[in-house]
Amino acid sequence: GAWLGEYGGLPGRQGTVTFQGRTGPWDDI
């Protein structure tokens, strides 16, 4: 479907990030 390559089609990772002055998990920020 809508994915390509060896690593496509698998669950992604998530870490803590800072973006536009806010810090937290990627999904939240």
PDB file of all heavy atoms in Angstrom:
ATOM      1  N   GLY A   1       0.817  -1.207   0.000  1.00  0.00           N
ATOM      2  CA  GLY A   1       0.000   0.000   0.000  1.00  0.00           C
ATOM      3  C   GLY A   1       0.846   1.251   0.000  1.00  0.00           C
ATOM      4  O   GLY A   1       1.838   1.347  -0.746  1.00  0.00           O
ATOM      5  N   ALA A   2       0.499   2.197   0.867  1.00  0.00           N
ATOM      6  CA  ALA A   2       1.136   3.511   0.892  1.00  0.00           C
ATOM      7  C   ALA A   2       2.398   3.495   1.749  1.00  0.00           C
ATOM      8  O   ALA A   2       2.511   4.234   2.720  1.00  0.00           O
ATOM      9  CB  ALA A   2       0.149   4.565   1.374  1.00  0.00           C
ATOM     10  N   TRP A   3       3.334   2.652   1.372  1.00  0.00           N
ATOM     11  CA  TRP A   3       4.637   2.613   2.033  1.00  0.00           C
ATOM     12  C   TRP A   3       5.636   1.976   1.087  1.00  0.00           C
ATOM     13  O   TRP A   3       5.269   1.257   0.161  1.00  0.00           O
ATOM     14  CB  TRP A   3       4.587   1.866   3.369  1.00  0.00           C
ATOM     15  CG  TRP A   3       4.074   0.453   3.294  1.00  0.00           C
ATOM     16  CD1 TRP A   3       2.785   0.037   3.364  1.00  0.00           C
ATOM     17  CD2 TRP A   3       4.866  -0.738   3.128  1.00  0.00           C
ATOM     18  NE1 TRP A   3       2.702  -1.332   3.257  1.00  0.00           N
ATOM     19  CE2 TRP A   3       3.964  -1.835   3.117  1.00  0.00           C
ATOM     20  CE3 TRP A   3       6.230  -0.996   3.013  1.00  0.00           C
ATOM     21  CZ2 TRP A   3       4.394  -3.159   2.977  1.00  0.00           C
ATOM     22  CZ3 TRP A   3       6.661  -2.311   2.879  1.00  0.00           C
ATOM     23  CH2 TRP A   3       5.757  -3.375   2.864  1.00  0.00           C
ATOM     24  N   LEU A   4       6.905   2.240   1.346  1.00  0.00           N
ATOM     25  CA  LEU A   4       7.962   1.791   0.452  1.00  0.00           C
ATOM     26  C   LEU A   4       9.160   1.301   1.248  1.00  0.00           C
ATOM     27  O   LEU A   4       9.441   1.795   2.340  1.00  0.00           O
ATOM     28  CB  LEU A   4       8.412   2.940  -0.471  1.00  0.00           C
ATOM     29  CG  LEU A   4       7.350   3.577  -1.377  1.00  0.00           C
ATOM     30  CD1 LEU A   4       7.873   4.878  -1.966  1.00  0.00           C
ATOM     31  CD2 LEU A   4       6.942   2.617  -2.483  1.00  0.00           C
ATOM     32  N   GLY A   5       9.874   0.330   0.698  1.00  0.00           N
ATOM     33  CA  GLY A   5      11.184  -0.038   1.218  1.00  0.00           C
ATOM     34  C   GLY A   5      11.172  -0.972   2.410  1.00  0.00           C
ATOM     35  O   GLY A   5      10.128  -1.381   2.930  1.00  0.00           O
ATOM     36  N   GLU A   6      12.376  -1.273   2.877  1.00  0.00           N
ATOM     37  CA  GLU A   6      12.588  -2.249   3.949  1.00  0.00           C
ATOM     38  C   GLU A   6      11.934  -1.850   5.257  1.00  0.00           C
ATOM     39  O   GLU A   6      11.427  -2.698   5.995  1.00  0.00           O
ATOM     40  CB  GLU A   6      14.092  -2.437   4.155  1.00  0.00           C
ATOM     41  CG  GLU A   6      14.464  -3.370   5.290  1.00  0.00           C
ATOM     42  CD  GLU A   6      15.960  -3.448   5.532  1.00  0.00           C
ATOM     43  OE1 GLU A   6      16.723  -2.776   4.783  1.00  0.00           O
ATOM     44  OE2 GLU A   6      16.373  -4.171   6.460  1.00  0.00           O
ATOM     45  N   TYR A   7      11.933  -0.574   5.572  1.00  0.00           N
ATOM     46  CA  TYR A   7      11.432  -0.125   6.871  1.00  0.00           C
ATOM     47  C   TYR A   7      10.005   0.406   6.807  1.00  0.00           C
ATOM     48  O   TYR A   7       9.414   0.717   7.841  1.00  0.00           O
ATOM     49  CB  TYR A   7      12.373   0.945   7.446  1.00  0.00           C
ATOM     50  CG  TYR A   7      13.765   0.431   7.683  1.00  0.00           C
ATOM     51  CD1 TYR A   7      14.791   0.682   6.752  1.00  0.00           C
ATOM     52  CD2 TYR A   7      14.063  -0.332   8.801  1.00  0.00           C
ATOM     53  CE1 TYR A   7      16.068   0.193   6.962  1.00  0.00           C
ATOM     54  CE2 TYR A   7      15.345  -0.834   9.013  1.00  0.00           C
ATOM     55  CZ  TYR A   7      16.345  -0.565   8.084  1.00  0.00           C
ATOM     56  OH  TYR A   7      17.615  -1.061   8.283  1.00  0.00           O
ATOM     57  N   GLY A   8       9.456   0.512   5.608  1.00  0.00           N
ATOM     58  CA  GLY A   8       8.081   0.963   5.474  1.00  0.00           C
ATOM     59  C   GLY A   8       7.102  -0.088   5.944  1.00  0.00           C
ATOM     60  O   GLY A   8       7.399  -1.292   5.961  1.00  0.00           O
ATOM     61  N   GLY A   9       5.910   0.347   6.332  1.00  0.00           N
ATOM     62  CA  GLY A   9       4.860  -0.577   6.740  1.00  0.00           C
ATOM     63  C   GLY A   9       5.001  -1.114   8.137  1.00  0.00           C
ATOM     64  O   GLY A   9       4.278  -2.034   8.523  1.00  0.00           O
ATOM     65  N   LEU A  10       5.920  -0.546   8.936  1.00  0.00           N
ATOM     66  CA  LEU A  10       6.128  -0.971  10.321  1.00  0.00           C
ATOM     67  C   LEU A  10       5.847   0.196  11.264  1.00  0.00           C
ATOM     68  O   LEU A  10       5.937   1.366  10.872  1.00  0.00           O
ATOM     69  CB  LEU A  10       7.559  -1.469  10.526  1.00  0.00           C
ATOM     70  CG  LEU A  10       7.923  -2.782   9.825  1.00  0.00           C
ATOM     71  CD1 LEU A  10       9.427  -3.010   9.881  1.00  0.00           C
ATOM     72  CD2 LEU A  10       7.177  -3.953  10.456  1.00  0.00           C
ATOM     73  N   PRO A  11       5.527  -0.088  12.537  1.00  0.00           N
ATOM     74  CA  PRO A  11       5.276   1.008  13.477  1.00  0.00           C
ATOM     75  C   PRO A  11       6.492   1.910  13.635  1.00  0.00           C
ATOM     76  O   PRO A  11       7.639   1.450  13.627  1.00  0.00           O
ATOM     77  CB  PRO A  11       4.966   0.276  14.797  1.00  0.00           C
ATOM     78  CG  PRO A  11       4.515  -1.079  14.381  1.00  0.00           C
ATOM     79  CD  PRO A  11       5.305  -1.408  13.149  1.00  0.00           C
ATOM     80  N   GLY A  12       6.234   3.194  13.775  1.00  0.00           N
ATOM     81  CA  GLY A  12       7.307   4.159  13.940  1.00  0.00           C
ATOM     82  C   GLY A  12       7.740   4.318  15.387  1.00  0.00           C
ATOM     83  O   GLY A  12       7.083   3.835  16.314  1.00  0.00           O
ATOM     84  N   ARG A  13       8.846   4.996  15.560  1.00  0.00           N
ATOM     85  CA  ARG A  13       9.362   5.303  16.893  1.00  0.00           C
ATOM     86  C   ARG A  13       8.856   6.672  17.341  1.00  0.00           C
ATOM     87  O   ARG A  13       8.275   7.433  16.565  1.00  0.00           O
ATOM     88  CB  ARG A  13      10.889   5.286  16.892  1.00  0.00           C
ATOM     89  CG  ARG A  13      11.496   3.980  16.399  1.00  0.00           C
ATOM     90  CD  ARG A  13      13.017   4.008  16.479  1.00  0.00           C
ATOM     91  NE  ARG A  13      13.602   2.861  15.790  1.00  0.00           N
ATOM     92  CZ  ARG A  13      14.909   2.602  15.727  1.00  0.00           C
ATOM     93  NH1 ARG A  13      15.773   3.430  16.308  1.00  0.00           N
ATOM     94  NH2 ARG A  13      15.362   1.541  15.077  1.00  0.00           N
ATOM     95  N   GLN A  14       9.103   6.985  18.578  1.00  0.00           N
ATOM     96  CA  GLN A  14       8.738   8.300  19.107  1.00  0.00           C
ATOM     97  C   GLN A  14       9.694   8.669  20.229  1.00  0.00           C
ATOM     98  O   GLN A  14      10.009   7.843  21.088  1.00  0.00           O
ATOM     99  CB  GLN A  14       7.304   8.329  19.634  1.00  0.00           C
ATOM    100  CG  GLN A  14       6.901   9.694  20.172  1.00  0.00           C
ATOM    101  CD  GLN A  14       5.494   9.742  20.729  1.00  0.00           C
ATOM    102  OE1 GLN A  14       4.855  10.779  20.720  1.00  0.00           O
ATOM    103  NE2 GLN A  14       4.995   8.620  21.242  1.00  0.00           N
ATOM    104  N   GLY A  15      10.164   9.906  20.212  1.00  0.00           N
ATOM    105  CA  GLY A  15      11.036  10.393  21.271  1.00  0.00           C
ATOM    106  C   GLY A  15      10.616  11.772  21.730  1.00  0.00           C
ATOM    107  O   GLY A  15       9.667  12.366  21.209  1.00  0.00           O
ATOM    108  N   THR A  16      11.335  12.282  22.707  1.00  0.00           N
ATOM    109  CA  THR A  16      11.087  13.622  23.229  1.00  0.00           C
ATOM    110  C   THR A  16      11.739  14.649  22.317  1.00  0.00           C
ATOM    111  O   THR A  16      12.899  14.505  21.921  1.00  0.00           O
ATOM    112  CB  THR A  16      11.655  13.760  24.650  1.00  0.00           C
ATOM    113  OG1 THR A  16      11.031  12.778  25.492  1.00  0.00           O
ATOM    114  CG2 THR A  16      11.400  15.142  25.213  1.00  0.00           C
ATOM    115  N   VAL A  17      10.992  15.695  21.983  1.00  0.00           N
ATOM    116  CA  VAL A  17      11.486  16.738  21.092  1.00  0.00           C
ATOM    117  C   VAL A  17      11.112  18.105  21.643  1.00  0.00           C
ATOM    118  O   VAL A  17      10.219  18.235  22.481  1.00  0.00           O
ATOM    119  CB  VAL A  17      10.897  16.585  19.667  1.00  0.00           C
ATOM    120  CG1 VAL A  17      11.336  15.266  19.040  1.00  0.00           C
ATOM    121  CG2 VAL A  17       9.372  16.691  19.678  1.00  0.00           C
ATOM    122  N   THR A  18      11.815  19.117  21.144  1.00  0.00           N
ATOM    123  CA  THR A  18      11.437  20.505  21.387  1.00  0.00           C
ATOM    124  C   THR A  18      11.121  21.144  20.048  1.00  0.00           C
ATOM    125  O   THR A  18      11.909  21.052  19.098  1.00  0.00           O
ATOM    126  CB  THR A  18      12.567  21.277  22.081  1.00  0.00           C
ATOM    127  OG1 THR A  18      12.815  20.703  23.371  1.00  0.00           O
ATOM    128  CG2 THR A  18      12.193  22.745  22.272  1.00  0.00           C
ATOM    129  N   PHE A  19       9.958  21.784  19.971  1.00  0.00           N
ATOM    130  CA  PHE A  19       9.505  22.398  18.717  1.00  0.00           C
ATOM    131  C   PHE A  19       8.670  23.617  19.057  1.00  0.00           C
ATOM    132  O   PHE A  19       7.732  23.529  19.859  1.00  0.00           O
ATOM    133  CB  PHE A  19       8.687  21.379  17.915  1.00  0.00           C
ATOM    134  CG  PHE A  19       8.179  21.884  16.594  1.00  0.00           C
ATOM    135  CD1 PHE A  19       9.043  22.383  15.630  1.00  0.00           C
ATOM    136  CD2 PHE A  19       6.809  21.845  16.306  1.00  0.00           C
ATOM    137  CE1 PHE A  19       8.565  22.831  14.396  1.00  0.00           C
ATOM    138  CE2 PHE A  19       6.323  22.285  15.072  1.00  0.00           C
ATOM    139  CZ  PHE A  19       7.206  22.783  14.127  1.00  0.00           C
ATOM    140  N   GLN A  20       9.046  24.738  18.480  1.00  0.00           N
ATOM    141  CA  GLN A  20       8.315  25.995  18.682  1.00  0.00           C
ATOM    142  C   GLN A  20       8.122  26.314  20.166  1.00  0.00           C
ATOM    143  O   GLN A  20       7.049  26.712  20.609  1.00  0.00           O
ATOM    144  CB  GLN A  20       6.965  25.940  17.948  1.00  0.00           C
ATOM    145  CG  GLN A  20       7.123  25.817  16.446  1.00  0.00           C
ATOM    146  CD  GLN A  20       5.806  25.748  15.700  1.00  0.00           C
ATOM    147  OE1 GLN A  20       4.752  25.501  16.289  1.00  0.00           O
ATOM    148  NE2 GLN A  20       5.830  25.974  14.384  1.00  0.00           N
ATOM    149  N   GLY A  21       9.187  26.084  20.936  1.00  0.00           N
ATOM    150  CA  GLY A  21       9.200  26.458  22.346  1.00  0.00           C
ATOM    151  C   GLY A  21       8.564  25.467  23.299  1.00  0.00           C
ATOM    152  O   GLY A  21       8.495  25.724  24.504  1.00  0.00           O
ATOM    153  N   ARG A  22       8.104  24.323  22.793  1.00  0.00           N
ATOM    154  CA  ARG A  22       7.466  23.315  23.643  1.00  0.00           C
ATOM    155  C   ARG A  22       8.255  22.022  23.587  1.00  0.00           C
ATOM    156  O   ARG A  22       8.808  21.667  22.552  1.00  0.00           O
ATOM    157  CB  ARG A  22       6.013  23.072  23.196  1.00  0.00           C
ATOM    158  CG  ARG A  22       5.141  24.302  23.262  1.00  0.00           C
ATOM    159  CD  ARG A  22       3.809  24.086  22.559  1.00  0.00           C
ATOM    160  NE  ARG A  22       3.067  22.988  23.172  1.00  0.00           N
ATOM    161  CZ  ARG A  22       2.539  21.979  22.485  1.00  0.00           C
ATOM    162  NH1 ARG A  22       2.701  21.896  21.161  1.00  0.00           N
ATOM    163  NH2 ARG A  22       1.860  21.035  23.101  1.00  0.00           N
ATOM    164  N   THR A  23       8.275  21.296  24.714  1.00  0.00           N
ATOM    165  CA  THR A  23       9.031  20.040  24.804  1.00  0.00           C
ATOM    166  C   THR A  23       8.121  18.914  25.272  1.00  0.00           C
ATOM    167  O   THR A  23       7.311  19.092  26.191  1.00  0.00           O
ATOM    168  CB  THR A  23      10.213  20.187  25.775  1.00  0.00           C
ATOM    169  OG1 THR A  23      11.103  21.194  25.287  1.00  0.00           O
ATOM    170  CG2 THR A  23      10.991  18.871  25.901  1.00  0.00           C
ATOM    171  N   GLY A  24       8.250  17.755  24.632  1.00  0.00           N
ATOM    172  CA  GLY A  24       7.456  16.588  25.013  1.00  0.00           C
ATOM    173  C   GLY A  24       7.550  15.527  23.939  1.00  0.00           C
ATOM    174  O   GLY A  24       8.348  15.632  23.000  1.00  0.00           O
ATOM    175  N   PRO A  25       6.735  14.464  24.033  1.00  0.00           N
ATOM    176  CA  PRO A  25       6.714  13.440  22.987  1.00  0.00           C
ATOM    177  C   PRO A  25       6.312  14.043  21.636  1.00  0.00           C
ATOM    178  O   PRO A  25       5.511  14.975  21.584  1.00  0.00           O
ATOM    179  CB  PRO A  25       5.667  12.439  23.485  1.00  0.00           C
ATOM    180  CG  PRO A  25       5.551  12.688  24.954  1.00  0.00           C
ATOM    181  CD  PRO A  25       5.814  14.150  25.142  1.00  0.00           C
ATOM    182  N   TRP A  26       6.831  13.463  20.569  1.00  0.00           N
ATOM    183  CA  TRP A  26       6.563  13.976  19.220  1.00  0.00           C
ATOM    184  C   TRP A  26       5.070  14.187  18.976  1.00  0.00           C
ATOM    185  O   TRP A  26       4.667  15.238  18.475  1.00  0.00           O
ATOM    186  CB  TRP A  26       7.128  12.998  18.180  1.00  0.00           C
ATOM    187  CG  TRP A  26       6.858  13.400  16.766  1.00  0.00           C
ATOM    188  CD1 TRP A  26       5.694  13.241  16.071  1.00  0.00           C
ATOM    189  CD2 TRP A  26       7.770  14.061  15.875  1.00  0.00           C
ATOM    190  NE1 TRP A  26       5.818  13.749  14.793  1.00  0.00           N
ATOM    191  CE2 TRP A  26       7.074  14.259  14.655  1.00  0.00           C
ATOM    192  CE3 TRP A  26       9.085  14.488  15.991  1.00  0.00           C
ATOM    193  CZ2 TRP A  26       7.676  14.863  13.547  1.00  0.00           C
ATOM    194  CZ3 TRP A  26       9.687  15.100  14.890  1.00  0.00           C
ATOM    195  CH2 TRP A  26       8.996  15.280  13.702  1.00  0.00           C
ATOM    196  N   ASP A  27       4.248  13.191  19.309  1.00  0.00           N
ATOM    197  CA  ASP A  27       2.807  13.289  19.023  1.00  0.00           C
ATOM    198  C   ASP A  27       2.186  14.495  19.697  1.00  0.00           C
ATOM    199  O   ASP A  27       1.292  15.147  19.132  1.00  0.00           O
ATOM    200  CB  ASP A  27       2.083  12.030  19.494  1.00  0.00           C
ATOM    201  CG  ASP A  27       2.518  10.777  18.751  1.00  0.00           C
ATOM    202  OD1 ASP A  27       3.181  10.892  17.704  1.00  0.00           O
ATOM    203  OD2 ASP A  27       2.200   9.674  19.235  1.00  0.00           O
ATOM    204  N   ASP A  28       2.625  14.806  20.906  1.00  0.00           N
ATOM    205  CA  ASP A  28       2.047  15.921  21.661  1.00  0.00           C
ATOM    206  C   ASP A  28       2.534  17.267  21.145  1.00  0.00           C
ATOM    207  O   ASP A  28       1.816  18.269  21.246  1.00  0.00           O
ATOM    208  CB  ASP A  28       2.406  15.804  23.143  1.00  0.00           C
ATOM    209  CG  ASP A  28       1.813  14.574  23.805  1.00  0.00           C
ATOM    210  OD1 ASP A  28       0.981  13.896  23.163  1.00  0.00           O
ATOM    211  OD2 ASP A  28       2.191  14.276  24.962  1.00  0.00           O
ATOM    212  N   ILE A  29       3.748  17.300  20.615  1.00  0.00           N
ATOM    213  CA  ILE A  29       4.378  18.578  20.280  1.00  0.00           C
ATOM    214  C   ILE A  29       4.281  18.895  18.792  1.00  0.00           C
ATOM    215  O   ILE A  29       3.886  19.999  18.405  1.00  0.00           O
ATOM    216  CB  ILE A  29       5.856  18.577  20.728  1.00  0.00           C
ATOM    217  CG1 ILE A  29       5.956  18.284  22.232  1.00  0.00           C
ATOM    218  CG2 ILE A  29       6.521  19.912  20.390  1.00  0.00           C
ATOM    219  CD1 ILE A  29       5.182  19.231  23.120  1.00  0.00           C
TER     220      ILE A  29
END
